[in-house]
Amino acid sequence: MSYARLTAGLLTVLLLAAYTPASQSRTTPSSEDTFPLGRGYPTLAPLLRRITPAVVDISVESKTGYEQRPFFRDLKFRRFLEQLDLPFPDLPGAGRQYNVGSRFIVDAMHGYGLTNRHVIEKARSIKIILKDGRSHRARLIGSESRADIAMLQMVPTPSGLEALRFGDSDRLEVGDFVLAVGNPFGIGQTVTSGIVSALGHHKGGDRGIGDFIQTDASINLGSSGGPLVDMEGRVVGINTALIGPGGSNVGIGFATPVNRARTAMDRS
């Protein structure tokens, strides 16, 4: 046997010994290994796992249909709509009417939470549905029409509640990222994201939007009363209204600044 043939034979033996089929050398990668959640790309899931249990749905049986919503009675906001040639929507009706909205818990021990006044206005009964499906009756503790704020208490107070922390809406700047949590159209809890588009401290002329926070985070019918939160999960506003043809969302939503809501809450 020549030296060349001997060398080739030894190399073949070594290669065969080193080779092991992939099916024998490793297990099939799991979906977690292939697509590691929360690793390698940004996600808001950990933040939402913390805040969404404190946001609940509201089901309201009203005595009559709605009058014009208090939000549209704000003179600065009406001038803002007039210059945009937009209508002032009224929701007529009479008799028994059901409505859905959102609410967030601010005191877990006593079951207190905040929502918009227009959500529970003229209510015969108010039912709160927690994220885990439990439902409880609620009673009105107090409200403030100008800020369109209402405080409700669940009775009796259920166990295992979680509350949200307040942020400082006076520190918001245009461009800050925010999340809106609510129950649009009654389909269940939904989260949308966006930025602060404008603030009520507009200077010059009459085109200010009052004291409200404008955001492009989607706010739809049923989202009213839900929280607008910052990237630390702190409430900076209460989702209140939207502008759009036929009530549809076009990226212009408004939230009551939480500092204004806290002042109203302290008075109620």
Protein backbone atom coordinates (compact mmCIF):
# COMPACT_ATOMS: atom_id res chain seq x y z
CA MET A 1 0.00 0.00 0.00
CA SER A 2 1.34 3.36 -0.98
CA TYR A 3 1.82 6.18 1.49
CA ALA A 4 -0.81 8.31 -0.31
CA ARG A 5 -3.47 5.57 -0.10
CA LEU A 6 -2.71 5.01 3.59
CA THR A 7 -3.06 8.71 4.36
CA ALA A 8 -6.37 8.91 2.49
CA GLY A 9 -7.70 5.89 4.38
CA LEU A 10 -6.78 7.35 7.78
CA LEU A 11 -8.48 10.65 6.91
CA THR A 12 -11.65 8.81 5.88
CA VAL A 13 -11.74 6.91 9.21
CA LEU A 14 -11.22 10.12 11.20
CA LEU A 15 -13.98 11.96 9.31
CA LEU A 16 -16.43 9.11 9.79
CA ALA A 17 -15.64 8.95 13.50
CA ALA A 18 -16.10 12.70 13.91
CA TYR A 19 -19.36 12.84 11.97
CA THR A 20 -22.57 12.33 13.92
CA PRO A 21 -25.96 12.99 12.38
CA ALA A 22 -27.67 16.14 13.69
CA SER A 23 -30.63 14.10 14.89
CA GLN A 24 -28.31 12.21 17.26
CA SER A 25 -26.10 15.08 18.43
CA ARG A 26 -28.78 17.61 19.44
CA THR A 27 -32.46 17.87 20.20
CA THR A 28 -34.87 19.79 18.05
CA PRO A 29 -34.83 23.45 19.16
CA SER A 30 -37.95 24.56 21.00
CA SER A 31 -40.01 27.55 19.95
CA GLU A 32 -38.59 29.43 22.94
CA ASP A 33 -35.05 28.84 21.69
CA THR A 34 -35.96 29.83 18.16
CA PHE A 35 -38.03 32.87 19.08
CA PRO A 36 -36.94 33.92 22.59
CA LEU A 37 -39.74 36.18 23.87
CA GLY A 38 -38.45 39.41 25.35
CA ARG A 39 -34.87 38.71 24.27
CA GLY A 40 -33.23 40.17 21.22
CA TYR A 41 -35.99 42.64 20.36
CA PRO A 42 -38.00 45.25 22.26
CA THR A 43 -41.32 44.29 23.87
CA LEU A 44 -43.81 46.00 26.17
CA ALA A 45 -45.23 42.71 27.43
CA PRO A 46 -43.58 42.85 30.91
CA LEU A 47 -44.96 46.35 31.47
CA LEU A 48 -48.45 45.37 30.31
CA ARG A 49 -48.48 42.25 32.49
CA ARG A 50 -48.05 44.61 35.42
CA ILE A 51 -50.60 47.30 34.57
CA THR A 52 -53.47 45.60 32.73
CA PRO A 53 -54.91 43.73 35.76
CA ALA A 54 -55.71 47.16 37.26
CA VAL A 55 -57.80 48.18 34.21
CA VAL A 56 -61.39 46.90 34.25
CA ASP A 57 -64.45 47.08 32.01
CA ILE A 58 -67.67 48.89 32.88
CA SER A 59 -71.17 47.88 31.84
CA VAL A 60 -73.79 50.57 32.51
CA GLU A 61 -77.56 50.51 32.31
CA SER A 62 -78.68 54.12 31.87
CA LYS A 63 -81.97 55.77 32.74
CA THR A 64 -82.15 57.70 29.46
CA GLY A 65 -80.04 58.32 26.38
CA TYR A 66 -77.02 60.57 26.55
CA GLU A 67 -77.05 64.32 26.37
CA GLN A 68 -74.13 66.13 24.87
CA ARG A 69 -70.97 64.85 26.53
CA PRO A 70 -69.40 67.21 29.08
CA PHE A 71 -66.13 67.10 27.18
CA PHE A 72 -67.75 69.01 24.29
CA ARG A 73 -69.00 71.76 26.62
CA ASP A 74 -65.45 72.98 27.21
CA LEU A 75 -65.34 76.40 25.53
CA LYS A 76 -61.70 76.19 24.42
CA PHE A 77 -62.27 72.75 22.94
CA ARG A 78 -65.43 73.92 21.14
CA ARG A 79 -63.49 76.79 19.53
CA PHE A 80 -60.84 74.27 18.50
CA LEU A 81 -63.51 72.11 16.79
CA GLU A 82 -65.16 75.13 15.18
CA GLN A 83 -61.92 76.15 13.47
CA LEU A 84 -61.62 72.60 12.14
CA ASP A 85 -65.25 72.78 10.94
CA LEU A 86 -66.15 69.66 12.95
CA PRO A 87 -69.58 68.97 14.50
CA PHE A 88 -70.49 68.69 18.16
CA PRO A 89 -71.86 65.15 18.47
CA ASP A 90 -74.98 64.48 20.51
CA LEU A 91 -76.19 61.01 21.41
CA PRO A 92 -80.01 61.20 21.57
CA GLY A 93 -82.22 58.50 22.95
CA ALA A 94 -84.66 57.69 25.71
CA GLY A 95 -85.60 54.83 27.98
CA ARG A 96 -83.25 52.01 28.88
CA GLN A 97 -79.83 52.10 27.28
CA TYR A 98 -76.67 50.07 27.84
CA ASN A 99 -73.19 51.47 27.53
CA VAL A 100 -69.66 50.14 27.93
CA GLY A 101 -66.54 51.91 29.08
CA SER A 102 -63.34 51.48 31.04
CA ARG A 103 -62.09 52.18 34.54
CA PHE A 104 -58.80 51.80 36.39
CA ILE A 105 -58.21 51.01 40.05
CA VAL A 106 -56.46 53.60 42.20
CA ASP A 107 -57.07 52.07 45.66
CA ALA A 108 -56.98 48.26 45.80
CA MET A 109 -57.85 48.04 49.50
CA HIS A 110 -61.14 49.92 49.20
CA GLY A 111 -61.96 49.12 45.55
CA TYR A 112 -61.86 52.73 44.36
CA GLY A 113 -61.34 53.52 40.70
CA LEU A 114 -61.60 56.39 38.21
CA THR A 115 -63.50 56.71 34.96
CA ASN A 116 -65.21 59.41 32.89
CA ARG A 117 -68.39 60.95 34.21
CA HIS A 118 -70.11 60.61 30.83
CA VAL A 119 -69.64 56.81 31.00
CA ILE A 120 -71.83 56.44 34.10
CA GLU A 121 -74.06 59.51 33.73
CA LYS A 122 -77.75 58.74 34.53
CA ALA A 123 -76.87 55.14 35.34
CA ARG A 124 -79.47 52.82 36.84
CA SER A 125 -76.84 50.22 37.63
CA ILE A 126 -73.09 49.88 37.15
CA LYS A 127 -71.27 46.58 36.81
CA ILE A 128 -67.48 46.17 36.88
CA ILE A 129 -65.87 43.25 35.06
CA LEU A 130 -62.33 42.40 36.15
CA LYS A 131 -59.72 41.07 33.76
CA ASP A 132 -60.09 37.57 35.25
CA GLY A 133 -63.81 37.60 34.43
CA ARG A 134 -65.21 38.32 37.89
CA SER A 135 -68.01 40.90 37.98
CA HIS A 136 -69.07 43.20 40.82
CA ARG A 137 -71.56 45.97 41.39
CA ALA A 138 -70.21 49.50 41.77
CA ARG A 139 -71.53 52.66 43.35
CA LEU A 140 -70.77 56.26 42.53
CA ILE A 141 -68.65 57.99 45.18
CA GLY A 142 -68.37 61.38 43.49
CA SER A 143 -67.98 63.10 40.14
CA GLU A 144 -66.82 66.37 38.57
CA SER A 145 -68.57 67.45 35.39
CA ARG A 146 -66.04 69.98 34.09
CA ALA A 147 -63.17 67.48 34.25
CA ASP A 148 -65.55 64.66 33.20
CA ILE A 149 -64.27 62.51 36.08
CA ALA A 150 -66.12 60.03 38.30
CA MET A 151 -64.95 57.86 41.19
CA LEU A 152 -66.57 54.45 41.68
CA GLN A 153 -66.26 51.86 44.41
CA MET A 154 -66.82 48.14 43.95
CA VAL A 155 -69.17 46.67 46.54
CA PRO A 156 -68.22 44.49 48.18
CA THR A 157 -64.51 45.05 47.53
CA PRO A 158 -63.12 41.91 45.86
CA SER A 159 -59.84 40.34 46.85
CA GLY A 160 -56.69 40.33 44.75
CA LEU A 161 -57.08 43.80 43.25
CA GLU A 162 -54.13 45.75 41.89
CA ALA A 163 -53.87 49.53 41.61
CA LEU A 164 -52.03 51.82 39.22
CA ARG A 165 -49.61 54.54 40.27
CA PHE A 166 -50.12 58.17 39.33
CA GLY A 167 -47.58 60.01 37.20
CA ASP A 168 -47.14 63.76 36.80
CA SER A 169 -49.00 65.01 33.73
CA ASP A 170 -47.38 68.44 34.11
CA ARG A 171 -44.05 66.87 33.12
CA LEU A 172 -45.33 65.46 29.83
CA GLU A 173 -43.77 66.70 26.60
CA VAL A 174 -44.84 66.37 23.01
CA GLY A 175 -43.16 63.25 21.69
CA ASP A 176 -43.35 61.21 24.92
CA PHE A 177 -44.45 57.62 24.29
CA VAL A 178 -47.76 56.61 25.87
CA LEU A 179 -50.10 53.60 25.98
CA ALA A 180 -53.90 53.70 26.05
CA VAL A 181 -55.76 50.82 27.70
CA GLY A 182 -59.50 50.38 27.33
CA ASN A 183 -62.49 48.37 26.14
CA PRO A 184 -63.20 49.67 22.61
CA PHE A 185 -66.68 48.81 21.30
CA GLY A 186 -67.06 46.35 24.19
CA ILE A 187 -64.79 43.76 22.56
CA GLY A 188 -62.59 43.41 25.65
CA GLN A 189 -59.39 44.88 27.00
CA THR A 190 -57.19 46.37 24.29
CA VAL A 191 -53.87 48.24 24.38
CA THR A 192 -52.77 50.81 21.80
CA SER A 193 -49.57 52.83 21.62
CA GLY A 194 -48.55 56.25 20.37
CA ILE A 195 -47.04 59.53 21.46
CA VAL A 196 -48.20 62.74 23.04
CA SER A 197 -49.19 64.73 19.95
CA ALA A 198 -50.04 68.06 21.59
CA LEU A 199 -50.64 69.54 25.02
CA GLY A 200 -53.17 72.02 26.36
CA HIS A 201 -50.56 74.69 27.11
CA HIS A 202 -50.66 75.82 23.46
CA LYS A 203 -49.67 79.48 23.31
CA GLY A 204 -50.92 82.07 20.86
CA GLY A 205 -54.31 82.43 19.19
CA ASP A 206 -57.49 80.55 20.05
CA ARG A 207 -56.51 77.16 18.64
CA GLY A 208 -55.58 75.67 22.01
CA ILE A 209 -57.18 72.34 23.02
CA GLY A 210 -57.96 73.39 26.56
CA ASP A 211 -56.39 71.37 29.32
CA PHE A 212 -56.40 68.07 27.45
CA ILE A 213 -53.61 65.78 26.26
CA GLN A 214 -53.80 64.96 22.55
CA THR A 215 -52.43 61.55 21.47
CA ASP A 216 -52.33 59.38 18.38
CA ALA A 217 -52.68 56.22 20.50
CA SER A 218 -56.02 54.83 19.26
CA ILE A 219 -58.96 55.80 21.47
CA ASN A 220 -62.35 54.49 20.35
CA LEU A 221 -65.90 54.32 21.68
CA GLY A 222 -65.71 52.24 24.85
CA SER A 223 -62.14 53.32 25.63
CA SER A 224 -63.44 56.26 27.67
CA GLY A 225 -62.32 56.11 31.28
CA GLY A 226 -59.30 53.93 30.63
CA PRO A 227 -55.80 55.07 31.58
CA LEU A 228 -53.18 56.75 29.42
CA VAL A 229 -49.89 55.52 30.85
CA ASP A 230 -46.23 56.36 30.35
CA MET A 231 -43.38 53.92 29.76
CA GLU A 232 -43.03 53.32 33.50
CA GLY A 233 -46.65 52.25 33.81
CA ARG A 234 -47.78 55.42 35.60
CA VAL A 235 -51.12 57.01 34.77
CA VAL A 236 -50.68 60.40 33.10
CA GLY A 237 -54.19 60.82 31.71
CA ILE A 238 -57.72 59.44 31.45
CA ASN A 239 -58.90 58.61 27.92
CA THR A 240 -61.85 60.90 27.27
CA ALA A 241 -62.75 61.63 23.64
CA LEU A 242 -61.81 61.31 19.99
CA ILE A 243 -62.29 63.24 16.78
CA GLY A 244 -63.23 61.32 13.68
CA PRO A 245 -65.97 61.05 11.06
CA GLY A 246 -68.80 58.85 12.32
CA GLY A 247 -66.98 58.30 15.60
CA SER A 248 -64.13 56.40 13.96
CA ASN A 249 -60.52 56.84 15.02
CA VAL A 250 -58.25 58.95 12.82
CA GLY A 251 -55.35 59.29 15.26
CA ILE A 252 -56.70 62.27 17.20
CA GLY A 253 -57.66 61.31 20.74
CA PHE A 254 -57.86 63.29 23.95
CA ALA A 255 -57.17 62.45 27.57
CA THR A 256 -57.82 64.42 30.74
CA PRO A 257 -54.47 65.11 32.47
CA VAL A 258 -54.19 63.00 35.61
CA ASN A 259 -53.19 66.00 37.73
CA ARG A 260 -56.51 67.61 36.87
CA ALA A 261 -58.29 64.32 37.63
CA ARG A 262 -56.56 64.00 41.01
CA THR A 263 -57.67 67.50 41.98
CA ALA A 264 -61.24 66.60 41.04
CA MET A 265 -60.94 63.29 42.91
CA ASP A 266 -59.79 65.04 46.08
CA ARG A 267 -62.87 67.26 45.92
CA SER A 268 -65.31 64.40 45.40
